[in-house]
Protein backbone atom coordinates (compact mmCIF):
# COMPACT_ATOMS: atom_id res chain seq x y z
CA MET A 1 7.87 -17.63 -49.70
CA ARG A 2 8.86 -20.59 -51.64
CA HIS A 3 12.34 -21.86 -52.12
CA GLY A 4 13.84 -20.44 -55.30
CA ASP A 5 11.73 -17.25 -55.20
CA SER A 6 13.69 -15.44 -52.42
CA GLU A 7 15.09 -13.01 -54.99
CA VAL A 8 11.61 -11.86 -55.99
CA THR A 9 10.94 -8.83 -53.77
CA ASN A 10 7.96 -7.11 -55.72
CA ARG A 11 5.21 -9.88 -55.51
CA HIS A 12 2.34 -7.56 -56.54
CA VAL A 13 0.80 -8.67 -60.03
CA LEU A 14 -1.79 -6.57 -61.91
CA VAL A 15 -4.09 -8.78 -63.83
CA VAL A 16 -5.94 -6.97 -66.61
CA GLU A 17 -8.63 -9.37 -67.94
CA ASP A 18 -12.10 -8.73 -68.88
CA GLU A 19 -13.28 -12.32 -68.39
CA PRO A 20 -14.27 -12.72 -64.62
CA ARG A 21 -13.78 -16.53 -64.70
CA ILE A 22 -10.47 -16.35 -66.07
CA ALA A 23 -9.27 -13.46 -63.73
CA SER A 24 -10.62 -15.52 -60.84
CA VAL A 25 -8.56 -18.55 -61.59
CA LEU A 26 -5.44 -16.48 -62.31
CA ARG A 27 -5.90 -14.62 -58.84
CA ASP A 28 -6.38 -18.09 -57.08
CA TYR A 29 -3.19 -19.50 -58.47
CA LEU A 30 -1.01 -16.45 -58.10
CA GLU A 31 -2.16 -15.87 -54.53
CA ARG A 32 -1.49 -19.59 -53.58
CA ALA A 33 2.00 -18.99 -55.01
CA GLY A 34 2.44 -16.06 -52.48
CA PHE A 35 1.62 -13.03 -54.69
CA THR A 36 -0.74 -10.04 -54.15
CA VAL A 37 -3.08 -9.59 -56.98
CA SER A 38 -5.04 -6.69 -58.26
CA TRP A 39 -7.55 -7.11 -61.00
CA LEU A 40 -8.95 -4.69 -63.52
CA ASP A 41 -11.48 -5.59 -66.26
CA ARG A 42 -11.15 -2.73 -68.56
CA GLY A 43 -8.11 -1.47 -70.53
CA ASP A 44 -8.89 2.33 -69.96
CA ALA A 45 -8.42 1.73 -66.11
CA VAL A 46 -4.79 0.57 -66.48
CA THR A 47 -3.05 3.97 -66.86
CA ASP A 48 -4.60 5.53 -63.59
CA PHE A 49 -3.92 2.35 -61.76
CA LEU A 50 -0.10 2.54 -62.69
CA GLY A 51 -0.20 6.01 -61.74
CA ARG A 52 -1.12 5.25 -58.11
CA GLU A 53 0.46 1.85 -57.59
CA SER A 54 3.83 0.18 -58.67
CA PRO A 55 3.16 -3.65 -59.25
CA GLY A 56 5.98 -5.89 -60.08
CA LEU A 57 4.42 -7.15 -63.23
CA VAL A 58 1.36 -6.80 -65.47
CA LEU A 59 -0.38 -9.81 -66.81
CA LEU A 60 -2.25 -8.16 -69.85
CA ASP A 61 -5.01 -9.52 -71.97
CA LEU A 62 -5.04 -8.13 -75.42
CA MET A 63 -8.74 -8.09 -76.15
CA LEU A 64 -10.06 -5.65 -73.77
CA PRO A 65 -12.99 -3.01 -73.49
CA GLY A 66 -11.91 0.55 -73.27
CA ALA A 67 -8.41 0.25 -74.65
CA ASP A 68 -6.57 -2.27 -76.99
CA GLY A 69 -3.87 -4.36 -75.17
CA MET A 70 -1.34 -3.64 -77.85
CA ASP A 71 -1.74 0.21 -77.35
CA LEU A 72 -1.61 -0.35 -73.63
CA CYS A 73 1.60 -2.39 -73.85
CA ARG A 74 3.11 0.57 -75.92
CA GLU A 75 1.92 3.18 -73.43
CA ILE A 76 3.21 1.19 -70.32
CA ARG A 77 6.68 0.64 -72.08
CA LYS A 78 6.91 4.54 -72.92
CA ALA A 79 6.61 5.26 -69.22
CA SER A 80 8.33 2.46 -67.33
CA GLN A 81 10.28 -0.69 -67.69
CA ILE A 82 7.77 -2.84 -65.55
CA PRO A 83 7.64 -6.44 -66.82
CA VAL A 84 4.61 -7.27 -69.04
CA ILE A 85 3.25 -10.75 -69.99
CA MET A 86 0.74 -10.71 -72.71
CA VAL A 87 -2.24 -12.97 -72.45
CA THR A 88 -3.82 -13.58 -75.93
CA ALA A 89 -6.34 -15.62 -77.81
CA ARG A 90 -4.84 -14.54 -81.06
CA VAL A 91 -3.51 -17.69 -82.79
CA GLU A 92 -1.36 -15.93 -85.43
CA GLU A 93 2.24 -15.84 -84.53
CA ALA A 94 2.67 -12.41 -86.21
CA ASP A 95 0.26 -10.96 -83.54
CA ARG A 96 2.50 -12.28 -80.72
CA LEU A 97 5.76 -11.03 -82.31
CA VAL A 98 4.22 -7.54 -82.68
CA GLY A 99 3.41 -7.44 -78.99
CA LEU A 100 7.20 -8.47 -78.20
CA GLU A 101 8.44 -5.82 -80.45
CA LEU A 102 6.27 -3.30 -78.55
CA GLY A 103 8.25 -4.24 -75.40
CA ALA A 104 6.22 -7.33 -73.91
CA ASP A 105 8.57 -9.57 -72.13
CA ASP A 106 6.55 -12.74 -72.73
CA TYR A 107 3.14 -14.03 -73.94
CA VAL A 108 0.72 -16.73 -72.83
CA CYS A 109 -1.87 -18.24 -75.35
CA LYS A 110 -5.38 -18.92 -74.39
CA PRO A 111 -6.45 -21.62 -73.37
CA PHE A 112 -3.59 -21.95 -70.96
CA SER A 113 -2.59 -23.85 -67.74
CA PRO A 114 -2.76 -21.47 -64.69
CA ARG A 115 0.34 -23.19 -63.35
CA GLU A 116 2.20 -22.34 -66.49
CA VAL A 117 1.11 -18.64 -66.11
CA VAL A 118 2.50 -18.56 -62.52
CA ALA A 119 5.80 -20.09 -63.77
CA ARG A 120 6.12 -17.47 -66.37
CA VAL A 121 5.38 -14.71 -63.79
CA LYS A 122 8.12 -16.07 -61.46
CA ALA A 123 10.68 -16.44 -64.37
CA VAL A 124 10.11 -12.92 -65.68
CA LEU A 125 10.21 -11.43 -62.14
CA ARG A 126 13.36 -13.41 -61.17
CA ARG A 127 15.14 -11.72 -64.16
CA THR A 128 14.63 -8.21 -62.83
CA GLN A 129 16.58 -9.11 -59.54
CA PRO A 130 20.14 -9.98 -59.99
CA PRO A 131 21.81 -12.27 -57.55
CA PRO A 132 23.64 -10.48 -54.70
CA GLU A 133 27.25 -11.43 -55.75
CA GLU A 134 26.90 -9.86 -59.09
CA ARG A 135 26.73 -6.01 -59.61
CA LYS A 136 28.41 -4.86 -62.91
CA LEU A 137 29.43 -6.39 -66.21
CA ALA A 138 31.28 -4.57 -69.04
CA VAL A 139 32.68 -5.45 -72.31
CA GLY A 140 34.13 -2.60 -74.46
CA GLU A 141 31.68 0.35 -74.51
CA ILE A 142 28.68 -1.71 -73.24
CA SER A 143 28.14 -1.89 -69.52
CA LEU A 144 25.39 -3.19 -67.22
CA ASP A 145 24.69 -2.32 -63.56
CA LEU A 146 22.80 -5.28 -62.45
CA HIS A 147 21.45 -3.73 -59.09
CA LEU A 148 20.36 -0.45 -60.74
CA HIS A 149 19.15 -2.10 -63.77
CA ARG A 150 20.97 0.23 -65.89
CA ALA A 151 22.54 -0.47 -69.40
CA VAL A 152 24.89 1.83 -71.24
CA ALA A 153 26.22 1.53 -74.82
CA GLY A 154 28.79 4.32 -75.56
CA SER A 155 27.42 7.29 -73.79
CA VAL A 156 23.77 6.42 -74.25
CA GLU A 157 21.67 4.77 -71.53
CA LEU A 158 19.45 2.15 -72.88
CA GLN A 159 15.84 1.68 -72.05
CA LEU A 160 15.70 -2.26 -71.98
CA THR A 161 12.87 -4.44 -71.10
CA PRO A 162 13.74 -7.23 -68.46
CA SER A 163 14.14 -9.65 -71.24
CA GLU A 164 16.34 -7.67 -73.23
CA PHE A 165 18.41 -6.80 -70.16
CA GLU A 166 18.81 -10.56 -69.33
CA LEU A 167 19.82 -11.24 -72.99
CA LEU A 168 22.63 -8.48 -72.82
CA ARG A 169 23.71 -9.75 -69.33
CA THR A 170 24.07 -13.24 -70.78
CA PHE A 171 26.06 -12.08 -73.76
CA LEU A 172 28.36 -9.72 -71.70
CA GLY A 173 29.13 -12.49 -69.26
CA HIS A 174 30.42 -14.74 -72.25
CA PRO A 175 31.77 -12.50 -74.95
CA ASN A 176 32.34 -14.23 -78.37
CA ARG A 177 30.60 -17.37 -77.11
CA VAL A 178 27.91 -18.59 -79.43
CA PHE A 179 24.53 -19.44 -77.94
CA SER A 180 22.04 -21.36 -79.69
CA ARG A 181 18.34 -20.08 -79.66
CA GLY A 182 17.38 -22.94 -77.30
CA GLU A 183 20.10 -21.82 -74.79
CA LEU A 184 18.80 -18.27 -74.89
CA VAL A 185 15.23 -19.49 -74.40
CA GLN A 186 16.42 -21.38 -71.20
CA LYS A 187 18.59 -18.64 -69.90
CA VAL A 188 16.60 -15.58 -70.61
CA LEU A 189 13.00 -16.88 -70.48
CA GLY A 190 13.63 -19.42 -67.75
CA TYR A 191 11.92 -22.38 -69.42
CA ASP A 192 12.02 -24.57 -72.50
CA TYR A 193 9.15 -24.41 -74.84
CA GLU A 194 8.84 -25.34 -78.35
CA GLY A 195 8.05 -22.54 -80.54
CA TYR A 196 9.80 -19.76 -78.46
CA ASP A 197 12.87 -19.48 -80.91
CA ARG A 198 10.94 -16.81 -82.71
CA THR A 199 10.49 -14.99 -79.32
CA ILE A 200 14.33 -14.69 -79.01
CA ASP A 201 14.74 -13.59 -82.49
CA THR A 202 12.44 -10.63 -81.82
CA HIS A 203 14.16 -9.78 -78.50
CA ILE A 204 17.46 -9.73 -80.36
CA LYS A 205 16.19 -7.55 -83.01
CA ASN A 206 15.00 -5.09 -80.35
CA LEU A 207 18.31 -5.26 -78.44
CA ARG A 208 20.42 -4.63 -81.53
CA LYS A 209 18.33 -1.61 -82.49
CA LYS A 210 18.82 -0.14 -78.94
CA ILE A 211 22.63 -0.68 -78.75
CA GLY A 212 22.73 0.89 -82.05
CA LEU A 213 21.64 4.05 -80.63
CA GLY A 214 24.86 4.45 -78.58
CA LEU A 215 27.18 2.60 -80.91
CA PRO A 216 25.90 3.52 -84.46
CA GLY A 217 27.28 1.69 -87.46
CA ARG A 218 28.72 -1.05 -85.20
CA GLU A 219 27.56 -4.73 -84.82
CA ALA A 220 27.52 -5.79 -81.30
CA ILE A 221 25.41 -9.02 -81.61
CA SER A 222 26.37 -11.26 -84.48
CA THR A 223 24.40 -14.10 -86.10
CA VAL A 224 26.10 -17.24 -86.37
CA TYR A 225 24.10 -18.86 -89.28
CA GLY A 226 22.68 -22.26 -88.39
CA VAL A 227 23.88 -22.05 -84.78
CA GLY A 228 22.74 -18.86 -82.94
CA TYR A 229 24.09 -15.52 -81.64
CA LYS A 230 27.12 -14.16 -79.95
CA LEU A 231 28.43 -10.73 -78.66
CA SER A 232 31.32 -9.79 -80.91
CA PHE A 233 34.39 -8.41 -79.19
CA PRO A 234 35.98 -6.25 -80.53
CA MET A 235 32.92 -4.94 -82.21
CA GLU A 236 33.10 -4.09 -85.82
């Protein structure tokens, strides 16, 4: 296990990709990085696989025989909070944002660097494992149990993706501090990449909607126009 990855405990990655050459390259690079890799070449095999196995992350191509990747992402998110990284050849930003709204944690566009994919996998998996010295965070009626990966707003337990959970963790650790989109990309996604501001906007939108289930009519996350976002406390 490489230095800096010690907090990643579930190192099993499911690659869902119908192009054998791409799947082979991804498997090689992930295995060199210390991951165990399973491969499926059809979308309609994913549900049964996840019923038998519990991988730490799904690397999901969107254009698949048997089942569409968008539909699969939706079904995975209904059943679990397992991290999902979409792999897409679709060039339209709207397509990628739809995937994020369905609950994906990140996306990679083809053609891609296999090293970048490995870095993304590590970054997403690290977000699911809090440092041992941290356990709980709370501001007002919002609380996180970092070890149980449990979020509560009011009396409602929130079903958050790892990216949404990490966003809320960042805000709860610094109430009323304004974070720029660039800072949130670094803190939440774990890397700096041009064009990912819109990714953060989509995660914020999803997070606001979920917090609203427990705190209806109250704005927990405020937009500071021209700057970024902050957790407002007390909440209006």
